[in-house]
Every structure is written in C-alpha cells, then in structure tokens.
C-alpha cells in the first residue's frame, strides 16, 4: 500500500513549477559536484526532494487559497461636515 502512494506521488501531478524545481535542482547539483561544494549540493538535494515529493517551502498545497470567503469587518459610515471659511468651501 505504501509503495502505491510513493509511486502515485512520483508519477502523477507534474506541473510547471515541479519541473522547474527538478531542472534547477539537477543543474545546481551538477555544478556543486563540479566545484566540490557540499553546501550547494545540499541546496540541490532539497530542490530535487521538493520536486520528487511534490512539496514546496510550505508543504503540499501550503500556498493554496481557501474556499471559505474572507470575513469582512463592518464598515462604518463616515460623516463629513462642510465648513465655510470666508468665501471658500472646504470639506473636512
């Protein structure tokens, strides 16, 4: 059962952002290997992991919007008083 879940995650729901993460991770990983840079290699590993597991910085679907409408606060009516100063009218 767990193998089906892993296989489903790896093979389905590929979209542009997931492909970009994989491509960037492979590119950065290759450059880290060429330069023997462990820290950059770690970054590449994180990007590749995110692409393969379909997660982002916030987790799977962490940046999606909720279906529930936002609660709106009641708007108070603003009352303006016209003040006449000399011959000019100004709204305050």
PDB file of N, CA and C in Angstrom:
ATOM      1  N   UNK A   1       0.826  -1.195   0.000  1.00  0.00           N
ATOM      2  CA  UNK A   1       0.000   0.000   0.000  1.00  0.00           C
ATOM      3  C   UNK A   1       0.872   1.262   0.000  1.00  0.00           C
ATOM      4  N   UNK A   2       1.930   1.290   0.808  1.00  0.00           N
ATOM      5  CA  UNK A   2       2.795   2.457   0.853  1.00  0.00           C
ATOM      6  C   UNK A   2       3.522   2.641  -0.479  1.00  0.00           C
ATOM      7  N   UNK A   3       3.873   1.539  -1.127  1.00  0.00           N
ATOM      8  CA  UNK A   3       4.562   1.621  -2.409  1.00  0.00           C
ATOM      9  C   UNK A   3       3.661   2.274  -3.462  1.00  0.00           C
ATOM     10  N   UNK A   4       2.365   2.005  -3.403  1.00  0.00           N
ATOM     11  CA  UNK A   4       1.430   2.640  -4.345  1.00  0.00           C
ATOM     12  C   UNK A   4       1.367   4.139  -4.132  1.00  0.00           C
ATOM     13  N   UNK A   5       1.424   4.574  -2.871  1.00  0.00           N
ATOM     14  CA  UNK A   5       1.381   6.002  -2.560  1.00  0.00           C
ATOM     15  C   UNK A   5       2.631   6.705  -3.073  1.00  0.00           C
ATOM     16  N   UNK A   6       3.789   6.097  -2.853  1.00  0.00           N
ATOM     17  CA  UNK A   6       5.043   6.695  -3.327  1.00  0.00           C
ATOM     18  C   UNK A   6       5.064   6.744  -4.845  1.00  0.00           C
ATOM     19  N   UNK A   7       4.631   5.642  -5.469  1.00  0.00           N
ATOM     20  CA  UNK A   7       4.607   5.583  -6.936  1.00  0.00           C
ATOM     21  C   UNK A   7       3.629   6.616  -7.484  1.00  0.00           C
ATOM     22  N   UNK A   8       2.489   6.779  -6.845  1.00  0.00           N
ATOM     23  CA  UNK A   8       1.494   7.764  -7.295  1.00  0.00           C
ATOM     24  C   UNK A   8       2.058   9.185  -7.191  1.00  0.00           C
ATOM     25  N   UNK A   9       2.752   9.477  -6.081  1.00  0.00           N
ATOM     26  CA  UNK A   9       3.331  10.807  -5.890  1.00  0.00           C
ATOM     27  C   UNK A   9       4.418  11.088  -6.918  1.00  0.00           C
ATOM     28  N   UNK A  10       5.242  10.098  -7.217  1.00  0.00           N
ATOM     29  CA  UNK A  10       6.336  10.297  -8.167  1.00  0.00           C
ATOM     30  C   UNK A  10       5.853  10.449  -9.605  1.00  0.00           C
ATOM     31  N   UNK A  11       4.794   9.736  -9.967  1.00  0.00           N
ATOM     32  CA  UNK A  11       4.400   9.678 -11.378  1.00  0.00           C
ATOM     33  C   UNK A  11       3.269  10.627 -11.768  1.00  0.00           C
ATOM     34  N   UNK A  12       2.523  11.145 -10.826  1.00  0.00           N
ATOM     35  CA  UNK A  12       1.353  11.964 -11.160  1.00  0.00           C
ATOM     36  C   UNK A  12       1.512  13.409 -10.720  1.00  0.00           C
ATOM     37  N   UNK A  13       0.665  14.256 -11.308  1.00  0.00           N
ATOM     38  CA  UNK A  13       0.543  15.665 -10.931  1.00  0.00           C
ATOM     39  C   UNK A  13       1.828  16.461 -11.192  1.00  0.00           C
ATOM     40  N   UNK A  14       2.455  16.233 -12.331  1.00  0.00           N
ATOM     41  CA  UNK A  14       3.630  17.027 -12.705  1.00  0.00           C
ATOM     42  C   UNK A  14       3.143  18.309 -13.356  1.00  0.00           C
ATOM     43  N   UNK A  15       3.571  19.436 -12.855  1.00  0.00           N
ATOM     44  CA  UNK A  15       3.201  20.734 -13.399  1.00  0.00           C
ATOM     45  C   UNK A  15       4.469  21.552 -13.601  1.00  0.00           C
ATOM     46  N   UNK A  16       4.325  22.748 -14.117  1.00  0.00           N
ATOM     47  CA  UNK A  16       5.473  23.568 -14.495  1.00  0.00           C
ATOM     48  C   UNK A  16       6.403  23.846 -13.316  1.00  0.00           C
ATOM     49  N   UNK A  17       5.871  24.206 -12.170  1.00  0.00           N
ATOM     50  CA  UNK A  17       6.722  24.531 -11.029  1.00  0.00           C
ATOM     51  C   UNK A  17       7.511  23.318 -10.560  1.00  0.00           C
ATOM     52  N   UNK A  18       6.897  22.161 -10.612  1.00  0.00           N
ATOM     53  CA  UNK A  18       7.588  20.937 -10.208  1.00  0.00           C
ATOM     54  C   UNK A  18       8.720  20.615 -11.179  1.00  0.00           C
ATOM     55  N   UNK A  19       8.500  20.817 -12.464  1.00  0.00           N
ATOM     56  CA  UNK A  19       9.545  20.596 -13.462  1.00  0.00           C
ATOM     57  C   UNK A  19      10.681  21.607 -13.307  1.00  0.00           C
ATOM     58  N   UNK A  20      10.338  22.844 -12.985  1.00  0.00           N
ATOM     59  CA  UNK A  20      11.363  23.873 -12.770  1.00  0.00           C
ATOM     60  C   UNK A  20      12.231  23.507 -11.571  1.00  0.00           C
ATOM     61  N   UNK A  21      11.604  23.038 -10.469  1.00  0.00           N
ATOM     62  CA  UNK A  21      12.370  22.633  -9.287  1.00  0.00           C
ATOM     63  C   UNK A  21      13.317  21.479  -9.616  1.00  0.00           C
ATOM     64  N   UNK A  22      12.825  20.509 -10.388  1.00  0.00           N
ATOM     65  CA  UNK A  22      13.658  19.368 -10.736  1.00  0.00           C
ATOM     66  C   UNK A  22      14.825  19.803 -11.626  1.00  0.00           C
ATOM     67  N   UNK A  23      14.545  20.604 -12.641  1.00  0.00           N
ATOM     68  CA  UNK A  23      15.600  21.072 -13.533  1.00  0.00           C
ATOM     69  C   UNK A  23      16.627  21.916 -12.811  1.00  0.00           C
ATOM     70  N   UNK A  24      16.165  22.807 -11.962  1.00  0.00           N
ATOM     71  CA  UNK A  24      17.077  23.662 -11.202  1.00  0.00           C
ATOM     72  C   UNK A  24      17.898  22.833 -10.215  1.00  0.00           C
ATOM     73  N   UNK A  25      17.263  21.870  -9.576  1.00  0.00           N
ATOM     74  CA  UNK A  25      17.978  21.007  -8.644  1.00  0.00           C
ATOM     75  C   UNK A  25      19.059  20.192  -9.334  1.00  0.00           C
ATOM     76  N   UNK A  26      18.756  19.653 -10.520  1.00  0.00           N
ATOM     77  CA  UNK A  26      19.752  18.885 -11.265  1.00  0.00           C
ATOM     78  C   UNK A  26      20.895  19.783 -11.733  1.00  0.00           C
ATOM     79  N   UNK A  27      20.560  20.975 -12.195  1.00  0.00           N
ATOM     80  CA  UNK A  27      21.583  21.913 -12.663  1.00  0.00           C
ATOM     81  C   UNK A  27      22.504  22.338 -11.520  1.00  0.00           C
ATOM     82  N   UNK A  28      21.914  22.710 -10.399  1.00  0.00           N
ATOM     83  CA  UNK A  28      22.695  23.142  -9.241  1.00  0.00           C
ATOM     84  C   UNK A  28      23.497  21.963  -8.694  1.00  0.00           C
ATOM     85  N   UNK A  29      22.904  20.770  -8.708  1.00  0.00           N
ATOM     86  CA  UNK A  29      23.610  19.584  -8.239  1.00  0.00           C
ATOM     87  C   UNK A  29      24.828  19.263  -9.087  1.00  0.00           C
ATOM     88  N   UNK A  30      24.696  19.397 -10.383  1.00  0.00           N
ATOM     89  CA  UNK A  30      25.822  19.152 -11.284  1.00  0.00           C
ATOM     90  C   UNK A  30      26.940  20.171 -11.029  1.00  0.00           C
ATOM     91  N   UNK A  31      26.549  21.433 -10.873  1.00  0.00           N
ATOM     92  CA  UNK A  31      27.551  22.470 -10.580  1.00  0.00           C
ATOM     93  C   UNK A  31      28.203  22.250  -9.219  1.00  0.00           C
ATOM     94  N   UNK A  32      27.443  21.800  -8.238  1.00  0.00           N
ATOM     95  CA  UNK A  32      28.015  21.519  -6.917  1.00  0.00           C
ATOM     96  C   UNK A  32      28.994  20.361  -7.002  1.00  0.00           C
ATOM     97  N   UNK A  33      28.694  19.367  -7.802  1.00  0.00           N
ATOM     98  CA  UNK A  33      29.589  18.223  -7.980  1.00  0.00           C
ATOM     99  C   UNK A  33      30.886  18.656  -8.678  1.00  0.00           C
ATOM    100  N   UNK A  34      30.748  19.522  -9.693  1.00  0.00           N
ATOM    101  CA  UNK A  34      31.931  20.011 -10.407  1.00  0.00           C
ATOM    102  C   UNK A  34      32.841  20.832  -9.492  1.00  0.00           C
ATOM    103  N   UNK A  35      32.246  21.665  -8.662  1.00  0.00           N
ATOM    104  CA  UNK A  35      33.017  22.559  -7.799  1.00  0.00           C
ATOM    105  C   UNK A  35      33.326  21.944  -6.433  1.00  0.00           C
ATOM    106  N   UNK A  36      32.842  20.741  -6.177  1.00  0.00           N
ATOM    107  CA  UNK A  36      33.012  20.055  -4.882  1.00  0.00           C
ATOM    108  C   UNK A  36      32.510  20.911  -3.724  1.00  0.00           C
ATOM    109  N   UNK A  37      31.325  21.455  -3.879  1.00  0.00           N
ATOM    110  CA  UNK A  37      30.732  22.318  -2.870  1.00  0.00           C
ATOM    111  C   UNK A  37      29.597  21.568  -2.161  1.00  0.00           C
ATOM    112  N   UNK A  38      29.809  21.249  -0.903  1.00  0.00           N
ATOM    113  CA  UNK A  38      28.818  20.494  -0.146  1.00  0.00           C
ATOM    114  C   UNK A  38      27.571  21.285   0.186  1.00  0.00           C
ATOM    115  N   UNK A  39      27.740  22.554   0.508  1.00  0.00           N
ATOM    116  CA  UNK A  39      26.592  23.382   0.876  1.00  0.00           C
ATOM    117  C   UNK A  39      25.659  23.591  -0.315  1.00  0.00           C
ATOM    118  N   UNK A  40      26.224  23.824  -1.480  1.00  0.00           N
ATOM    119  CA  UNK A  40      25.411  23.987  -2.689  1.00  0.00           C
ATOM    120  C   UNK A  40      24.774  22.647  -3.059  1.00  0.00           C
ATOM    121  N   UNK A  41      25.485  21.563  -2.813  1.00  0.00           N
ATOM    122  CA  UNK A  41      24.927  20.230  -3.047  1.00  0.00           C
ATOM    123  C   UNK A  41      23.725  19.961  -2.160  1.00  0.00           C
ATOM    124  N   UNK A  42      23.778  20.455  -0.921  1.00  0.00           N
ATOM    125  CA  UNK A  42      22.635  20.323  -0.017  1.00  0.00           C
ATOM    126  C   UNK A  42      21.420  21.074  -0.554  1.00  0.00           C
ATOM    127  N   UNK A  43      21.636  22.270  -1.068  1.00  0.00           N
ATOM    128  CA  UNK A  43      20.553  23.040  -1.675  1.00  0.00           C
ATOM    129  C   UNK A  43      19.965  22.286  -2.868  1.00  0.00           C
ATOM    130  N   UNK A  44      20.833  21.699  -3.683  1.00  0.00           N
ATOM    131  CA  UNK A  44      20.363  20.919  -4.829  1.00  0.00           C
ATOM    132  C   UNK A  44      19.540  19.726  -4.369  1.00  0.00           C
ATOM    133  N   UNK A  45      19.989  19.076  -3.301  1.00  0.00           N
ATOM    134  CA  UNK A  45      19.234  17.935  -2.770  1.00  0.00           C
ATOM    135  C   UNK A  45      17.857  18.335  -2.273  1.00  0.00           C
ATOM    136  N   UNK A  46      17.765  19.495  -1.650  1.00  0.00           N
ATOM    137  CA  UNK A  46      16.464  19.984  -1.177  1.00  0.00           C
ATOM    138  C   UNK A  46      15.542  20.264  -2.357  1.00  0.00           C
ATOM    139  N   UNK A  47      16.059  20.884  -3.406  1.00  0.00           N
ATOM    140  CA  UNK A  47      15.232  21.172  -4.585  1.00  0.00           C
ATOM    141  C   UNK A  47      14.764  19.890  -5.262  1.00  0.00           C
ATOM    142  N   UNK A  48      15.649  18.911  -5.374  1.00  0.00           N
ATOM    143  CA  UNK A  48      15.267  17.642  -6.005  1.00  0.00           C
ATOM    144  C   UNK A  48      14.242  16.910  -5.143  1.00  0.00           C
ATOM    145  N   UNK A  49      14.433  16.927  -3.823  1.00  0.00           N
ATOM    146  CA  UNK A  49      13.462  16.302  -2.926  1.00  0.00           C
ATOM    147  C   UNK A  49      12.089  16.955  -3.067  1.00  0.00           C
ATOM    148  N   UNK A  50      12.064  18.296  -3.137  1.00  0.00           N
ATOM    149  CA  UNK A  50      10.785  19.003  -3.284  1.00  0.00           C
ATOM    150  C   UNK A  50      10.110  18.632  -4.592  1.00  0.00           C
ATOM    151  N   UNK A  51      10.886  18.480  -5.655  1.00  0.00           N
ATOM    152  CA  UNK A  51      10.293  18.131  -6.948  1.00  0.00           C
ATOM    153  C   UNK A  51       9.741  16.713  -6.920  1.00  0.00           C
ATOM    154  N   UNK A  52      10.490  15.777  -6.366  1.00  0.00           N
ATOM    155  CA  UNK A  52      10.046  14.382  -6.373  1.00  0.00           C
ATOM    156  C   UNK A  52       8.874  14.137  -5.423  1.00  0.00           C
ATOM    157  N   UNK A  53       8.861  14.812  -4.286  1.00  0.00           N
ATOM    158  CA  UNK A  53       7.788  14.597  -3.310  1.00  0.00           C
ATOM    159  C   UNK A  53       6.606  15.537  -3.512  1.00  0.00           C
ATOM    160  N   UNK A  54       6.690  16.421  -4.494  1.00  0.00           N
ATOM    161  CA  UNK A  54       5.637  17.393  -4.802  1.00  0.00           C
ATOM    162  C   UNK A  54       5.307  18.260  -3.592  1.00  0.00           C
ATOM    163  N   UNK A  55       6.344  18.763  -2.940  1.00  0.00           N
ATOM    164  CA  UNK A  55       6.169  19.684  -1.828  1.00  0.00           C
ATOM    165  C   UNK A  55       6.894  20.975  -2.164  1.00  0.00           C
ATOM    166  N   UNK A  56       6.532  22.018  -1.480  1.00  0.00           N
ATOM    167  CA  UNK A  56       7.213  23.291  -1.651  1.00  0.00           C
ATOM    168  C   UNK A  56       7.727  23.745  -0.305  1.00  0.00           C
ATOM    169  N   UNK A  57       7.998  25.009  -0.201  1.00  0.00           N
ATOM    170  CA  UNK A  57       8.511  25.529   1.062  1.00  0.00           C
ATOM    171  C   UNK A  57       7.460  25.462   2.161  1.00  0.00           C
ATOM    172  N   UNK A  58       6.197  25.435   1.798  1.00  0.00           N
ATOM    173  CA  UNK A  58       5.124  25.409   2.798  1.00  0.00           C
ATOM    174  C   UNK A  58       4.479  24.034   2.920  1.00  0.00           C
ATOM    175  N   UNK A  59       4.988  23.029   2.249  1.00  0.00           N
ATOM    176  CA  UNK A  59       4.364  21.712   2.252  1.00  0.00           C
ATOM    177  C   UNK A  59       3.431  21.577   1.060  1.00  0.00           C
ATOM    178  N   UNK A  60       2.829  20.439   0.938  1.00  0.00           N
ATOM    179  CA  UNK A  60       1.963  20.170  -0.206  1.00  0.00           C
ATOM    180  C   UNK A  60       0.690  21.007  -0.122  1.00  0.00           C
ATOM    181  N   UNK A  61       0.491  21.890  -1.076  1.00  0.00           N
ATOM    182  CA  UNK A  61      -0.696  22.737  -1.100  1.00  0.00           C
ATOM    183  C   UNK A  61      -0.671  23.821  -0.035  1.00  0.00           C
ATOM    184  N   UNK A  62       0.473  24.128   0.522  1.00  0.00           N
ATOM    185  CA  UNK A  62       0.554  25.109   1.594  1.00  0.00           C
ATOM    186  C   UNK A  62       0.291  26.525   1.138  1.00  0.00           C
ATOM    187  N   UNK A  63       0.484  26.803  -0.121  1.00  0.00           N
ATOM    188  CA  UNK A  63       0.301  28.157  -0.621  1.00  0.00           C
ATOM    189  C   UNK A  63      -1.023  28.333  -1.347  1.00  0.00           C
ATOM    190  N   UNK A  64      -1.900  27.341  -1.273  1.00  0.00           N
ATOM    191  CA  UNK A  64      -3.177  27.452  -1.968  1.00  0.00           C
ATOM    192  C   UNK A  64      -4.149  28.313  -1.157  1.00  0.00           C
ATOM    193  N   UNK A  65      -5.138  28.844  -1.833  1.00  0.00           N
ATOM    194  CA  UNK A  65      -6.141  29.682  -1.192  1.00  0.00           C
ATOM    195  C   UNK A  65      -7.275  28.831  -0.660  1.00  0.00           C
ATOM    196  N   UNK A  66      -7.880  29.246   0.419  1.00  0.00           N
ATOM    197  CA  UNK A  66      -9.002  28.503   0.967  1.00  0.00           C
ATOM    198  C   UNK A  66     -10.272  28.837   0.187  1.00  0.00           C
ATOM    199  N   UNK A  67     -11.239  27.911   0.271  1.00  0.00           N
ATOM    200  CA  UNK A  67     -12.512  28.115  -0.422  1.00  0.00           C
ATOM    201  C   UNK A  67     -13.443  29.019   0.369  1.00  0.00           C
ATOM    202  N   UNK A  68     -13.168  29.182   1.652  1.00  0.00           N
ATOM    203  CA  UNK A  68     -14.015  29.987   2.520  1.00  0.00           C
ATOM    204  C   UNK A  68     -13.756  31.465   2.261  1.00  0.00           C
ATOM    205  N   UNK A  69     -14.804  32.259   2.055  1.00  0.00           N
ATOM    206  CA  UNK A  69     -14.576  33.697   1.832  1.00  0.00           C
ATOM    207  C   UNK A  69     -14.023  34.365   3.086  1.00  0.00           C
ATOM    208  N   UNK A  70     -13.242  35.387   2.863  1.00  0.00           N
ATOM    209  CA  UNK A  70     -12.645  36.124   3.969  1.00  0.00           C
ATOM    210  C   UNK A  70     -13.722  36.870   4.744  1.00  0.00           C
ATOM    211  N   UNK A  71     -13.563  36.905   6.064  1.00  0.00           N
ATOM    212  CA  UNK A  71     -14.513  37.618   6.905  1.00  0.00           C
ATOM    213  C   UNK A  71     -14.256  39.110   6.772  1.00  0.00           C
ATOM    214  N   UNK A  72     -15.308  39.844   6.495  1.00  0.00           N
ATOM    215  CA  UNK A  72     -15.166  41.283   6.319  1.00  0.00           C
ATOM    216  C   UNK A  72     -15.640  41.994   7.574  1.00  0.00           C
ATOM    217  N   UNK A  73     -14.876  42.988   7.986  1.00  0.00           N
ATOM    218  CA  UNK A  73     -15.286  43.763   9.147  1.00  0.00           C
ATOM    219  C   UNK A  73     -16.335  44.786   8.700  1.00  0.00           C
ATOM    220  N   UNK A  74     -17.253  45.119   9.583  1.00  0.00           N
ATOM    221  CA  UNK A  74     -18.281  46.094   9.208  1.00  0.00           C
ATOM    222  C   UNK A  74     -17.654  47.462   8.937  1.00  0.00           C
ATOM    223  N   UNK A  75     -18.149  48.112   7.920  1.00  0.00           N
ATOM    224  CA  UNK A  75     -17.622  49.413   7.529  1.00  0.00           C
ATOM    225  C   UNK A  75     -18.511  50.492   8.148  1.00  0.00           C
ATOM    226  N   UNK A  76     -17.886  51.390   8.882  1.00  0.00           N
ATOM    227  CA  UNK A  76     -18.635  52.481   9.488  1.00  0.00           C
ATOM    228  C   UNK A  76     -18.832  53.589   8.465  1.00  0.00           C
ATOM    229  N   UNK A  77     -20.000  54.185   8.511  1.00  0.00           N
ATOM    230  CA  UNK A  77     -20.268  55.287   7.601  1.00  0.00           C
ATOM    231  C   UNK A  77     -19.558  56.530   8.124  1.00  0.00           C
ATOM    232  N   UNK A  78     -18.820  57.171   7.243  1.00  0.00           N
ATOM    233  CA  UNK A  78     -18.078  58.375   7.615  1.00  0.00           C
ATOM    234  C   UNK A  78     -18.945  59.587   7.308  1.00  0.00           C
ATOM    235  N   UNK A  79     -19.077  60.451   8.286  1.00  0.00           N
ATOM    236  CA  UNK A  79     -19.896  61.650   8.122  1.00  0.00           C
ATOM    237  C   UNK A  79     -18.955  62.835   7.937  1.00  0.00           C
ATOM    238  N   UNK A  80     -19.183  63.592   6.873  1.00  0.00           N
ATOM    239  CA  UNK A  80     -18.373  64.768   6.582  1.00  0.00           C
ATOM    240  C   UNK A  80     -19.186  66.007   6.926  1.00  0.00           C
ATOM    241  N   UNK A  81     -18.514  66.986   7.474  1.00  0.00           N
ATOM    242  CA  UNK A  81     -19.155  68.251   7.802  1.00  0.00           C
ATOM    243  C   UNK A  81     -18.532  69.326   6.936  1.00  0.00           C
ATOM    244  N   UNK A  82     -19.398  70.087   6.273  1.00  0.00           N
ATOM    245  CA  UNK A  82     -18.909  71.151   5.407  1.00  0.00           C
ATOM    246  C   UNK A  82     -18.678  72.391   6.259  1.00  0.00           C
ATOM    247  N   UNK A  83     -17.477  72.920   6.159  1.00  0.00           N
ATOM    248  CA  UNK A  83     -17.113  74.101   6.938  1.00  0.00           C
ATOM    249  C   UNK A  83     -16.853  75.234   5.963  1.00  0.00           C
ATOM    250  N   UNK A  84     -17.505  76.366   6.193  1.00  0.00           N
ATOM    251  CA  UNK A  84     -17.321  77.509   5.315  1.00  0.00           C
ATOM    252  C   UNK A  84     -16.335  78.457   5.982  1.00  0.00           C
ATOM    253  N   UNK A  85     -15.237  78.743   5.271  1.00  0.00           N
ATOM    254  CA  UNK A  85     -14.218  79.650   5.766  1.00  0.00           C
ATOM    255  C   UNK A  85     -14.146  80.799   4.780  1.00  0.00           C
ATOM    256  N   UNK A  86     -14.619  81.938   5.196  1.00  0.00           N
ATOM    257  CA  UNK A  86     -14.603  83.084   4.294  1.00  0.00           C
ATOM    258  C   UNK A  86     -15.496  82.811   3.088  1.00  0.00           C
ATOM    259  N   UNK A  87     -14.923  82.974   1.882  1.00  0.00           N
ATOM    260  CA  UNK A  87     -15.695  82.735   0.673  1.00  0.00           C
ATOM    261  C   UNK A  87     -15.442  81.327   0.107  1.00  0.00           C
ATOM    262  N   UNK A  88     -14.515  80.554   0.724  1.00  0.00           N
ATOM    263  CA  UNK A  88     -14.197  79.235   0.209  1.00  0.00           C
ATOM    264  C   UNK A  88     -14.963  78.181   0.990  1.00  0.00           C
ATOM    265  N   UNK A  89     -15.254  77.069   0.295  1.00  0.00           N
ATOM    266  CA  UNK A  89     -15.856  75.921   0.954  1.00  0.00           C
ATOM    267  C   UNK A  89     -14.779  74.828   1.008  1.00  0.00           C
ATOM    268  N   UNK A  90     -14.615  74.230   2.155  1.00  0.00           N
ATOM    269  CA  UNK A  90     -13.651  73.146   2.291  1.00  0.00           C
ATOM    270  C   UNK A  90     -14.366  71.959   2.933  1.00  0.00           C
ATOM    271  N   UNK A  91     -14.028  70.778   2.459  1.00  0.00           N
ATOM    272  CA  UNK A  91     -14.562  69.551   3.060  1.00  0.00           C
ATOM    273  C   UNK A  91     -13.524  68.999   4.024  1.00  0.00           C
ATOM    274  N   UNK A  92     -13.937  68.763   5.250  1.00  0.00           N
ATOM    275  CA  UNK A  92     -13.038  68.192   6.247  1.00  0.00           C
ATOM    276  C   UNK A  92     -13.432  66.779   6.512  1.00  0.00           C
TER     277      UNK A  92
END
